[in-house]
mmCIF file of all heavy atoms, coordinates in Angstrom:
data_MODEL
# 
_entry.id   MODEL 
# 
loop_
_atom_site.group_PDB 
_atom_site.id 
_atom_site.type_symbol 
_atom_site.label_atom_id 
_atom_site.label_alt_id 
_atom_site.label_comp_id 
_atom_site.label_asym_id 
_atom_site.label_entity_id 
_atom_site.label_seq_id 
_atom_site.pdbx_PDB_ins_code 
_atom_site.Cartn_x 
_atom_site.Cartn_y 
_atom_site.Cartn_z 
_atom_site.occupancy 
_atom_site.B_iso_or_equiv 
_atom_site.pdbx_formal_charge 
_atom_site.auth_seq_id 
_atom_site.auth_comp_id 
_atom_site.auth_asym_id 
_atom_site.auth_atom_id 
_atom_site.pdbx_PDB_model_num 
ATOM 1   N N   . ILE A 1 1  ? 211.759 215.832 -61.012 1.00 0.00 ? 1  ILE A N   1 
ATOM 2   C CA  . ILE A 1 1  ? 211.410 217.186 -61.457 1.00 0.00 ? 1  ILE A CA  1 
ATOM 3   C C   . ILE A 1 1  ? 210.050 217.602 -60.903 1.00 0.00 ? 1  ILE A C   1 
ATOM 4   O O   . ILE A 1 1  ? 209.879 218.722 -60.396 1.00 0.00 ? 1  ILE A O   1 
ATOM 5   C CB  . ILE A 1 1  ? 211.423 217.265 -63.001 1.00 0.00 ? 1  ILE A CB  1 
ATOM 6   C CG1 . ILE A 1 1  ? 212.818 217.009 -63.538 1.00 0.00 ? 1  ILE A CG1 1 
ATOM 7   C CG2 . ILE A 1 1  ? 210.926 218.637 -63.466 1.00 0.00 ? 1  ILE A CG2 1 
ATOM 8   C CD1 . ILE A 1 1  ? 212.880 216.931 -65.061 1.00 0.00 ? 1  ILE A CD1 1 
ATOM 9   N N   . LEU A 1 2  ? 209.067 216.698 -60.983 1.00 0.00 ? 2  LEU A N   1 
ATOM 10  C CA  . LEU A 1 2  ? 207.732 217.005 -60.464 1.00 0.00 ? 2  LEU A CA  1 
ATOM 11  C C   . LEU A 1 2  ? 207.752 217.246 -58.955 1.00 0.00 ? 2  LEU A C   1 
ATOM 12  O O   . LEU A 1 2  ? 207.062 218.130 -58.435 1.00 0.00 ? 2  LEU A O   1 
ATOM 13  C CB  . LEU A 1 2  ? 206.766 215.866 -60.800 1.00 0.00 ? 2  LEU A CB  1 
ATOM 14  C CG  . LEU A 1 2  ? 206.315 215.757 -62.251 1.00 0.00 ? 2  LEU A CG  1 
ATOM 15  C CD1 . LEU A 1 2  ? 205.418 214.548 -62.432 1.00 0.00 ? 2  LEU A CD1 1 
ATOM 16  C CD2 . LEU A 1 2  ? 205.590 217.028 -62.691 1.00 0.00 ? 2  LEU A CD2 1 
ATOM 17  N N   . THR A 1 3  ? 208.570 216.460 -58.240 1.00 0.00 ? 3  THR A N   1 
ATOM 18  C CA  . THR A 1 3  ? 208.706 216.652 -56.792 1.00 0.00 ? 3  THR A CA  1 
ATOM 19  C C   . THR A 1 3  ? 209.298 218.026 -56.477 1.00 0.00 ? 3  THR A C   1 
ATOM 20  O O   . THR A 1 3  ? 208.836 218.722 -55.559 1.00 0.00 ? 3  THR A O   1 
ATOM 21  C CB  . THR A 1 3  ? 209.596 215.554 -56.182 1.00 0.00 ? 3  THR A CB  1 
ATOM 22  O OG1 . THR A 1 3  ? 209.044 214.263 -56.480 1.00 0.00 ? 3  THR A OG1 1 
ATOM 23  C CG2 . THR A 1 3  ? 209.700 215.721 -54.678 1.00 0.00 ? 3  THR A CG2 1 
ATOM 24  N N   . SER A 1 4  ? 210.294 218.424 -57.254 1.00 0.00 ? 4  SER A N   1 
ATOM 25  C CA  . SER A 1 4  ? 210.910 219.742 -57.058 1.00 0.00 ? 4  SER A CA  1 
ATOM 26  C C   . SER A 1 4  ? 209.902 220.862 -57.319 1.00 0.00 ? 4  SER A C   1 
ATOM 27  O O   . SER A 1 4  ? 209.837 221.844 -56.577 1.00 0.00 ? 4  SER A O   1 
ATOM 28  C CB  . SER A 1 4  ? 212.116 219.903 -57.998 1.00 0.00 ? 4  SER A CB  1 
ATOM 29  O OG  . SER A 1 4  ? 213.085 218.912 -57.735 1.00 0.00 ? 4  SER A OG  1 
ATOM 30  N N   . VAL A 1 5  ? 209.115 220.707 -58.379 1.00 0.00 ? 5  VAL A N   1 
ATOM 31  C CA  . VAL A 1 5  ? 208.096 221.710 -58.710 1.00 0.00 ? 5  VAL A CA  1 
ATOM 32  C C   . VAL A 1 5  ? 207.070 221.823 -57.588 1.00 0.00 ? 5  VAL A C   1 
ATOM 33  O O   . VAL A 1 5  ? 206.673 222.926 -57.182 1.00 0.00 ? 5  VAL A O   1 
ATOM 34  C CB  . VAL A 1 5  ? 207.399 221.355 -60.035 1.00 0.00 ? 5  VAL A CB  1 
ATOM 35  C CG1 . VAL A 1 5  ? 206.169 222.231 -60.256 1.00 0.00 ? 5  VAL A CG1 1 
ATOM 36  C CG2 . VAL A 1 5  ? 208.362 221.516 -61.204 1.00 0.00 ? 5  VAL A CG2 1 
ATOM 37  N N   . LEU A 1 6  ? 206.652 220.677 -57.055 1.00 0.00 ? 6  LEU A N   1 
ATOM 38  C CA  . LEU A 1 6  ? 205.677 220.670 -55.968 1.00 0.00 ? 6  LEU A CA  1 
ATOM 39  C C   . LEU A 1 6  ? 206.226 221.349 -54.718 1.00 0.00 ? 6  LEU A C   1 
ATOM 40  O O   . LEU A 1 6  ? 205.526 222.136 -54.057 1.00 0.00 ? 6  LEU A O   1 
ATOM 41  C CB  . LEU A 1 6  ? 205.281 219.227 -55.657 1.00 0.00 ? 6  LEU A CB  1 
ATOM 42  C CG  . LEU A 1 6  ? 204.180 219.034 -54.597 1.00 0.00 ? 6  LEU A CG  1 
ATOM 43  C CD1 . LEU A 1 6  ? 202.886 219.679 -55.053 1.00 0.00 ? 6  LEU A CD1 1 
ATOM 44  C CD2 . LEU A 1 6  ? 203.960 217.546 -54.315 1.00 0.00 ? 6  LEU A CD2 1 
ATOM 45  N N   . LEU A 1 7  ? 207.484 221.077 -54.388 1.00 0.00 ? 7  LEU A N   1 
ATOM 46  C CA  . LEU A 1 7  ? 208.104 221.702 -53.215 1.00 0.00 ? 7  LEU A CA  1 
ATOM 47  C C   . LEU A 1 7  ? 208.216 223.218 -53.376 1.00 0.00 ? 7  LEU A C   1 
ATOM 48  O O   . LEU A 1 7  ? 207.945 223.984 -52.446 1.00 0.00 ? 7  LEU A O   1 
ATOM 49  C CB  . LEU A 1 7  ? 209.492 221.097 -52.981 1.00 0.00 ? 7  LEU A CB  1 
ATOM 50  C CG  . LEU A 1 7  ? 209.529 219.663 -52.443 1.00 0.00 ? 7  LEU A CG  1 
ATOM 51  C CD1 . LEU A 1 7  ? 210.971 219.151 -52.381 1.00 0.00 ? 7  LEU A CD1 1 
ATOM 52  C CD2 . LEU A 1 7  ? 208.889 219.588 -51.056 1.00 0.00 ? 7  LEU A CD2 1 
ATOM 53  N N   . VAL A 1 8  ? 208.594 223.651 -54.583 1.00 0.00 ? 8  VAL A N   1 
ATOM 54  C CA  . VAL A 1 8  ? 208.705 225.092 -54.851 1.00 0.00 ? 8  VAL A CA  1 
ATOM 55  C C   . VAL A 1 8  ? 207.342 225.765 -54.711 1.00 0.00 ? 8  VAL A C   1 
ATOM 56  O O   . VAL A 1 8  ? 207.212 226.847 -54.119 1.00 0.00 ? 8  VAL A O   1 
ATOM 57  C CB  . VAL A 1 8  ? 209.285 225.344 -56.262 1.00 0.00 ? 8  VAL A CB  1 
ATOM 58  C CG1 . VAL A 1 8  ? 209.156 226.816 -56.644 1.00 0.00 ? 8  VAL A CG1 1 
ATOM 59  C CG2 . VAL A 1 8  ? 210.732 224.917 -56.318 1.00 0.00 ? 8  VAL A CG2 1 
ATOM 60  N N   . ALA A 1 9  ? 206.298 225.123 -55.242 1.00 0.00 ? 9  ALA A N   1 
ATOM 61  C CA  . ALA A 1 9  ? 204.947 225.687 -55.160 1.00 0.00 ? 9  ALA A CA  1 
ATOM 62  C C   . ALA A 1 9  ? 204.471 225.773 -53.708 1.00 0.00 ? 9  ALA A C   1 
ATOM 63  O O   . ALA A 1 9  ? 203.854 226.765 -53.301 1.00 0.00 ? 9  ALA A O   1 
ATOM 64  C CB  . ALA A 1 9  ? 203.973 224.850 -55.990 1.00 0.00 ? 9  ALA A CB  1 
ATOM 65  N N   . ILE A 1 10 ? 204.762 224.744 -52.916 1.00 0.00 ? 10 ILE A N   1 
ATOM 66  C CA  . ILE A 1 10 ? 204.354 224.740 -51.504 1.00 0.00 ? 10 ILE A CA  1 
ATOM 67  C C   . ILE A 1 10 ? 205.069 225.842 -50.730 1.00 0.00 ? 10 ILE A C   1 
ATOM 68  O O   . ILE A 1 10 ? 204.448 226.593 -49.953 1.00 0.00 ? 10 ILE A O   1 
ATOM 69  C CB  . ILE A 1 10 ? 204.633 223.356 -50.882 1.00 0.00 ? 10 ILE A CB  1 
ATOM 70  C CG1 . ILE A 1 10 ? 203.694 222.304 -51.457 1.00 0.00 ? 10 ILE A CG1 1 
ATOM 71  C CG2 . ILE A 1 10 ? 204.476 223.414 -49.358 1.00 0.00 ? 10 ILE A CG2 1 
ATOM 72  C CD1 . ILE A 1 10 ? 204.005 220.891 -51.006 1.00 0.00 ? 10 ILE A CD1 1 
ATOM 73  N N   . ILE A 1 11 ? 206.382 225.949 -50.943 1.00 0.00 ? 11 ILE A N   1 
ATOM 74  C CA  . ILE A 1 11 ? 207.162 226.973 -50.237 1.00 0.00 ? 11 ILE A CA  1 
ATOM 75  C C   . ILE A 1 11 ? 206.716 228.376 -50.641 1.00 0.00 ? 11 ILE A C   1 
ATOM 76  O O   . ILE A 1 11 ? 206.544 229.266 -49.791 1.00 0.00 ? 11 ILE A O   1 
ATOM 77  C CB  . ILE A 1 11 ? 208.673 226.786 -50.522 1.00 0.00 ? 11 ILE A CB  1 
ATOM 78  C CG1 . ILE A 1 11 ? 209.163 225.480 -49.901 1.00 0.00 ? 11 ILE A CG1 1 
ATOM 79  C CG2 . ILE A 1 11 ? 209.481 227.952 -49.973 1.00 0.00 ? 11 ILE A CG2 1 
ATOM 80  C CD1 . ILE A 1 11 ? 210.581 225.097 -50.281 1.00 0.00 ? 11 ILE A CD1 1 
ATOM 81  N N   . THR A 1 12 ? 206.496 228.576 -51.937 1.00 0.00 ? 12 THR A N   1 
ATOM 82  C CA  . THR A 1 12 ? 206.057 229.887 -52.424 1.00 0.00 ? 12 THR A CA  1 
ATOM 83  C C   . THR A 1 12 ? 204.701 230.269 -51.843 1.00 0.00 ? 12 THR A C   1 
ATOM 84  O O   . THR A 1 12 ? 204.498 231.405 -51.386 1.00 0.00 ? 12 THR A O   1 
ATOM 85  C CB  . THR A 1 12 ? 205.972 229.884 -53.962 1.00 0.00 ? 12 THR A CB  1 
ATOM 86  O OG1 . THR A 1 12 ? 207.252 229.570 -54.504 1.00 0.00 ? 12 THR A OG1 1 
ATOM 87  C CG2 . THR A 1 12 ? 205.521 231.232 -54.481 1.00 0.00 ? 12 THR A CG2 1 
ATOM 88  N N   . ALA A 1 13 ? 203.757 229.330 -51.859 1.00 0.00 ? 13 ALA A N   1 
ATOM 89  C CA  . ALA A 1 13 ? 202.420 229.600 -51.332 1.00 0.00 ? 13 ALA A CA  1 
ATOM 90  C C   . ALA A 1 13 ? 202.466 229.911 -49.840 1.00 0.00 ? 13 ALA A C   1 
ATOM 91  O O   . ALA A 1 13 ? 201.779 230.818 -49.358 1.00 0.00 ? 13 ALA A O   1 
ATOM 92  C CB  . ALA A 1 13 ? 201.506 228.404 -51.598 1.00 0.00 ? 13 ALA A CB  1 
ATOM 93  N N   . THR A 1 14 ? 203.286 229.168 -49.102 1.00 0.00 ? 14 THR A N   1 
ATOM 94  C CA  . THR A 1 14 ? 203.399 229.388 -47.658 1.00 0.00 ? 14 THR A CA  1 
ATOM 95  C C   . THR A 1 14 ? 203.984 230.765 -47.354 1.00 0.00 ? 14 THR A C   1 
ATOM 96  O O   . THR A 1 14 ? 203.478 231.492 -46.486 1.00 0.00 ? 14 THR A O   1 
ATOM 97  C CB  . THR A 1 14 ? 204.285 228.302 -47.021 1.00 0.00 ? 14 THR A CB  1 
ATOM 98  O OG1 . THR A 1 14 ? 203.733 227.009 -47.305 1.00 0.00 ? 14 THR A OG1 1 
ATOM 99  C CG2 . THR A 1 14 ? 204.372 228.487 -45.515 1.00 0.00 ? 14 THR A CG2 1 
ATOM 100 N N   . GLN A 1 15 ? 205.028 231.158 -48.082 1.00 0.00 ? 15 GLN A N   1 
ATOM 101 C CA  . GLN A 1 15 ? 205.651 232.458 -47.867 1.00 0.00 ? 15 GLN A CA  1 
ATOM 102 C C   . GLN A 1 15 ? 204.711 233.605 -48.231 1.00 0.00 ? 15 GLN A C   1 
ATOM 103 O O   . GLN A 1 15 ? 204.593 234.586 -47.477 1.00 0.00 ? 15 GLN A O   1 
ATOM 104 C CB  . GLN A 1 15 ? 206.940 232.563 -48.690 1.00 0.00 ? 15 GLN A CB  1 
ATOM 105 C CG  . GLN A 1 15 ? 208.070 231.675 -48.190 1.00 0.00 ? 15 GLN A CG  1 
ATOM 106 C CD  . GLN A 1 15 ? 209.315 231.758 -49.058 1.00 0.00 ? 15 GLN A CD  1 
ATOM 107 O OE1 . GLN A 1 15 ? 209.254 232.182 -50.203 1.00 0.00 ? 15 GLN A OE1 1 
ATOM 108 N NE2 . GLN A 1 15 ? 210.447 231.348 -48.509 1.00 0.00 ? 15 GLN A NE2 1 
ATOM 109 N N   . GLU A 1 16 ? 204.030 233.480 -49.360 1.00 0.00 ? 16 GLU A N   1 
ATOM 110 C CA  . GLU A 1 16 ? 203.104 234.535 -49.784 1.00 0.00 ? 16 GLU A CA  1 
ATOM 111 C C   . GLU A 1 16 ? 201.925 234.659 -48.816 1.00 0.00 ? 16 GLU A C   1 
ATOM 112 O O   . GLU A 1 16 ? 201.470 235.765 -48.517 1.00 0.00 ? 16 GLU A O   1 
ATOM 113 C CB  . GLU A 1 16 ? 202.589 234.243 -51.200 1.00 0.00 ? 16 GLU A CB  1 
ATOM 114 C CG  . GLU A 1 16 ? 203.639 234.357 -52.284 1.00 0.00 ? 16 GLU A CG  1 
ATOM 115 C CD  . GLU A 1 16 ? 204.181 235.769 -52.409 1.00 0.00 ? 16 GLU A CD  1 
ATOM 116 O OE1 . GLU A 1 16 ? 203.408 236.721 -52.211 1.00 0.00 ? 16 GLU A OE1 1 
ATOM 117 O OE2 . GLU A 1 16 ? 205.384 235.928 -52.702 1.00 0.00 ? 16 GLU A OE2 1 
ATOM 118 N N   . HIS A 1 17 ? 201.434 233.530 -48.334 1.00 0.00 ? 17 HIS A N   1 
ATOM 119 C CA  . HIS A 1 17 ? 200.310 233.550 -47.394 1.00 0.00 ? 17 HIS A CA  1 
ATOM 120 C C   . HIS A 1 17 ? 200.724 234.187 -46.070 1.00 0.00 ? 17 HIS A C   1 
ATOM 121 O O   . HIS A 1 17 ? 199.967 234.974 -45.488 1.00 0.00 ? 17 HIS A O   1 
ATOM 122 C CB  . HIS A 1 17 ? 199.801 232.124 -47.169 1.00 0.00 ? 17 HIS A CB  1 
ATOM 123 C CG  . HIS A 1 17 ? 198.523 232.059 -46.406 1.00 0.00 ? 17 HIS A CG  1 
ATOM 124 N ND1 . HIS A 1 17 ? 198.460 231.697 -45.072 1.00 0.00 ? 17 HIS A ND1 1 
ATOM 125 C CD2 . HIS A 1 17 ? 197.244 232.332 -46.774 1.00 0.00 ? 17 HIS A CD2 1 
ATOM 126 C CE1 . HIS A 1 17 ? 197.214 231.736 -44.667 1.00 0.00 ? 17 HIS A CE1 1 
ATOM 127 N NE2 . HIS A 1 17 ? 196.457 232.113 -45.673 1.00 0.00 ? 17 HIS A NE2 1 
ATOM 128 N N   . ASP A 1 18 ? 201.928 233.871 -45.595 1.00 0.00 ? 18 ASP A N   1 
ATOM 129 C CA  . ASP A 1 18 ? 202.433 234.475 -44.360 1.00 0.00 ? 18 ASP A CA  1 
ATOM 130 C C   . ASP A 1 18 ? 202.613 235.982 -44.518 1.00 0.00 ? 18 ASP A C   1 
ATOM 131 O O   . ASP A 1 18 ? 202.302 236.760 -43.605 1.00 0.00 ? 18 ASP A O   1 
ATOM 132 C CB  . ASP A 1 18 ? 203.766 233.831 -43.957 1.00 0.00 ? 18 ASP A CB  1 
ATOM 133 C CG  . ASP A 1 18 ? 203.603 232.408 -43.463 1.00 0.00 ? 18 ASP A CG  1 
ATOM 134 O OD1 . ASP A 1 18 ? 202.460 232.035 -43.122 1.00 0.00 ? 18 ASP A OD1 1 
ATOM 135 O OD2 . ASP A 1 18 ? 204.599 231.656 -43.425 1.00 0.00 ? 18 ASP A OD2 1 
ATOM 136 N N   . LYS A 1 19 ? 203.113 236.410 -45.674 1.00 0.00 ? 19 LYS A N   1 
ATOM 137 C CA  . LYS A 1 19 ? 203.277 237.839 -45.932 1.00 0.00 ? 19 LYS A CA  1 
ATOM 138 C C   . LYS A 1 19 ? 201.930 238.556 -45.920 1.00 0.00 ? 19 LYS A C   1 
ATOM 139 O O   . LYS A 1 19 ? 201.801 239.654 -45.372 1.00 0.00 ? 19 LYS A O   1 
ATOM 140 C CB  . LYS A 1 19 ? 203.963 238.058 -47.285 1.00 0.00 ? 19 LYS A CB  1 
ATOM 141 C CG  . LYS A 1 19 ? 205.436 237.729 -47.309 1.00 0.00 ? 19 LYS A CG  1 
ATOM 142 C CD  . LYS A 1 19 ? 206.019 237.988 -48.692 1.00 0.00 ? 19 LYS A CD  1 
ATOM 143 C CE  . LYS A 1 19 ? 207.504 237.615 -48.749 1.00 0.00 ? 19 LYS A CE  1 
ATOM 144 N NZ  . LYS A 1 19 ? 208.062 237.828 -50.121 1.00 0.00 ? 19 LYS A NZ  1 
ATOM 145 N N   . ALA A 1 20 ? 200.918 237.927 -46.527 1.00 0.00 ? 20 ALA A N   1 
ATOM 146 C CA  . ALA A 1 20 ? 199.582 238.529 -46.573 1.00 0.00 ? 20 ALA A CA  1 
ATOM 147 C C   . ALA A 1 20 ? 198.991 238.660 -45.168 1.00 0.00 ? 20 ALA A C   1 
ATOM 148 O O   . ALA A 1 20 ? 198.358 239.672 -44.842 1.00 0.00 ? 20 ALA A O   1 
ATOM 149 C CB  . ALA A 1 20 ? 198.661 237.694 -47.460 1.00 0.00 ? 20 ALA A CB  1 
ATOM 150 N N   . LEU A 1 21 ? 199.201 237.650 -44.333 1.00 0.00 ? 21 LEU A N   1 
ATOM 151 C CA  . LEU A 1 21 ? 198.702 237.695 -42.957 1.00 0.00 ? 21 LEU A CA  1 
ATOM 152 C C   . LEU A 1 21 ? 199.374 238.812 -42.162 1.00 0.00 ? 21 LEU A C   1 
ATOM 153 O O   . LEU A 1 21 ? 198.707 239.569 -41.438 1.00 0.00 ? 21 LEU A O   1 
ATOM 154 C CB  . LEU A 1 21 ? 198.934 236.346 -42.266 1.00 0.00 ? 21 LEU A CB  1 
ATOM 155 C CG  . LEU A 1 21 ? 198.050 235.171 -42.704 1.00 0.00 ? 21 LEU A CG  1 
ATOM 156 C CD1 . LEU A 1 21 ? 198.488 233.891 -42.003 1.00 0.00 ? 21 LEU A CD1 1 
ATOM 157 C CD2 . LEU A 1 21 ? 196.583 235.462 -42.396 1.00 0.00 ? 21 LEU A CD2 1 
ATOM 158 N N   . LYS A 1 22 ? 200.689 238.939 -42.297 1.00 0.00 ? 22 LYS A N   1 
ATOM 159 C CA  . LYS A 1 22 ? 201.420 239.981 -41.576 1.00 0.00 ? 22 LYS A CA  1 
ATOM 160 C C   . LYS A 1 22 ? 201.020 241.369 -42.063 1.00 0.00 ? 22 LYS A C   1 
ATOM 161 O O   . LYS A 1 22 ? 200.890 242.304 -41.261 1.00 0.00 ? 22 LYS A O   1 
ATOM 162 C CB  . LYS A 1 22 ? 202.925 239.768 -41.743 1.00 0.00 ? 22 LYS A CB  1 
ATOM 163 C CG  . LYS A 1 22 ? 203.451 238.531 -41.026 1.00 0.00 ? 22 LYS A CG  1 
ATOM 164 C CD  . LYS A 1 22 ? 204.942 238.343 -41.253 1.00 0.00 ? 22 LYS A CD  1 
ATOM 165 C CE  . LYS A 1 22 ? 205.443 237.095 -40.544 1.00 0.00 ? 22 LYS A CE  1 
ATOM 166 N NZ  . LYS A 1 22 ? 206.891 236.861 -40.783 1.00 0.00 ? 22 LYS A NZ  1 
ATOM 167 N N   . PHE A 1 23 ? 200.814 241.506 -43.373 1.00 0.00 ? 23 PHE A N   1 
ATOM 168 C CA  . PHE A 1 23 ? 200.406 242.796 -43.930 1.00 0.00 ? 23 PHE A CA  1 
ATOM 169 C C   . PHE A 1 23 ? 199.031 243.195 -43.409 1.00 0.00 ? 23 PHE A C   1 
ATOM 170 O O   . PHE A 1 23 ? 198.793 244.365 -43.080 1.00 0.00 ? 23 PHE A O   1 
ATOM 171 C CB  . PHE A 1 23 ? 200.389 242.712 -45.454 1.00 0.00 ? 23 PHE A CB  1 
ATOM 172 C CG  . PHE A 1 23 ? 200.036 244.005 -46.127 1.00 0.00 ? 23 PHE A CG  1 
ATOM 173 C CD1 . PHE A 1 23 ? 200.959 245.033 -46.193 1.00 0.00 ? 23 PHE A CD1 1 
ATOM 174 C CD2 . PHE A 1 23 ? 198.780 244.184 -46.697 1.00 0.00 ? 23 PHE A CD2 1 
ATOM 175 C CE1 . PHE A 1 23 ? 200.637 246.236 -46.819 1.00 0.00 ? 23 PHE A CE1 1 
ATOM 176 C CE2 . PHE A 1 23 ? 198.453 245.379 -47.313 1.00 0.00 ? 23 PHE A CE2 1 
ATOM 177 C CZ  . PHE A 1 23 ? 199.381 246.401 -47.381 1.00 0.00 ? 23 PHE A CZ  1 
ATOM 178 N N   . GLU A 1 24 ? 198.133 242.228 -43.311 1.00 0.00 ? 24 GLU A N   1 
ATOM 179 C CA  . GLU A 1 24 ? 196.790 242.504 -42.790 1.00 0.00 ? 24 GLU A CA  1 
ATOM 180 C C   . GLU A 1 24 ? 196.852 242.907 -41.318 1.00 0.00 ? 24 GLU A C   1 
ATOM 181 O O   . GLU A 1 24 ? 196.125 243.801 -40.872 1.00 0.00 ? 24 GLU A O   1 
ATOM 182 C CB  . GLU A 1 24 ? 195.894 241.273 -42.968 1.00 0.00 ? 24 GLU A CB  1 
ATOM 183 C CG  . GLU A 1 24 ? 194.433 241.525 -42.621 1.00 0.00 ? 24 GLU A CG  1 
ATOM 184 C CD  . GLU A 1 24 ? 193.546 240.329 -42.911 1.00 0.00 ? 24 GLU A CD  1 
ATOM 185 O OE1 . GLU A 1 24 ? 194.084 239.278 -43.306 1.00 0.00 ? 24 GLU A OE1 1 
ATOM 186 O OE2 . GLU A 1 24 ? 192.331 240.454 -42.753 1.00 0.00 ? 24 GLU A OE2 1 
# 
């Protein structure tokens, strides 16, 4: 469960960061 949570957090952070870069 903890591994799944960590993977979700990593994927979410990566996607949000990429979106912010493209928006800028």
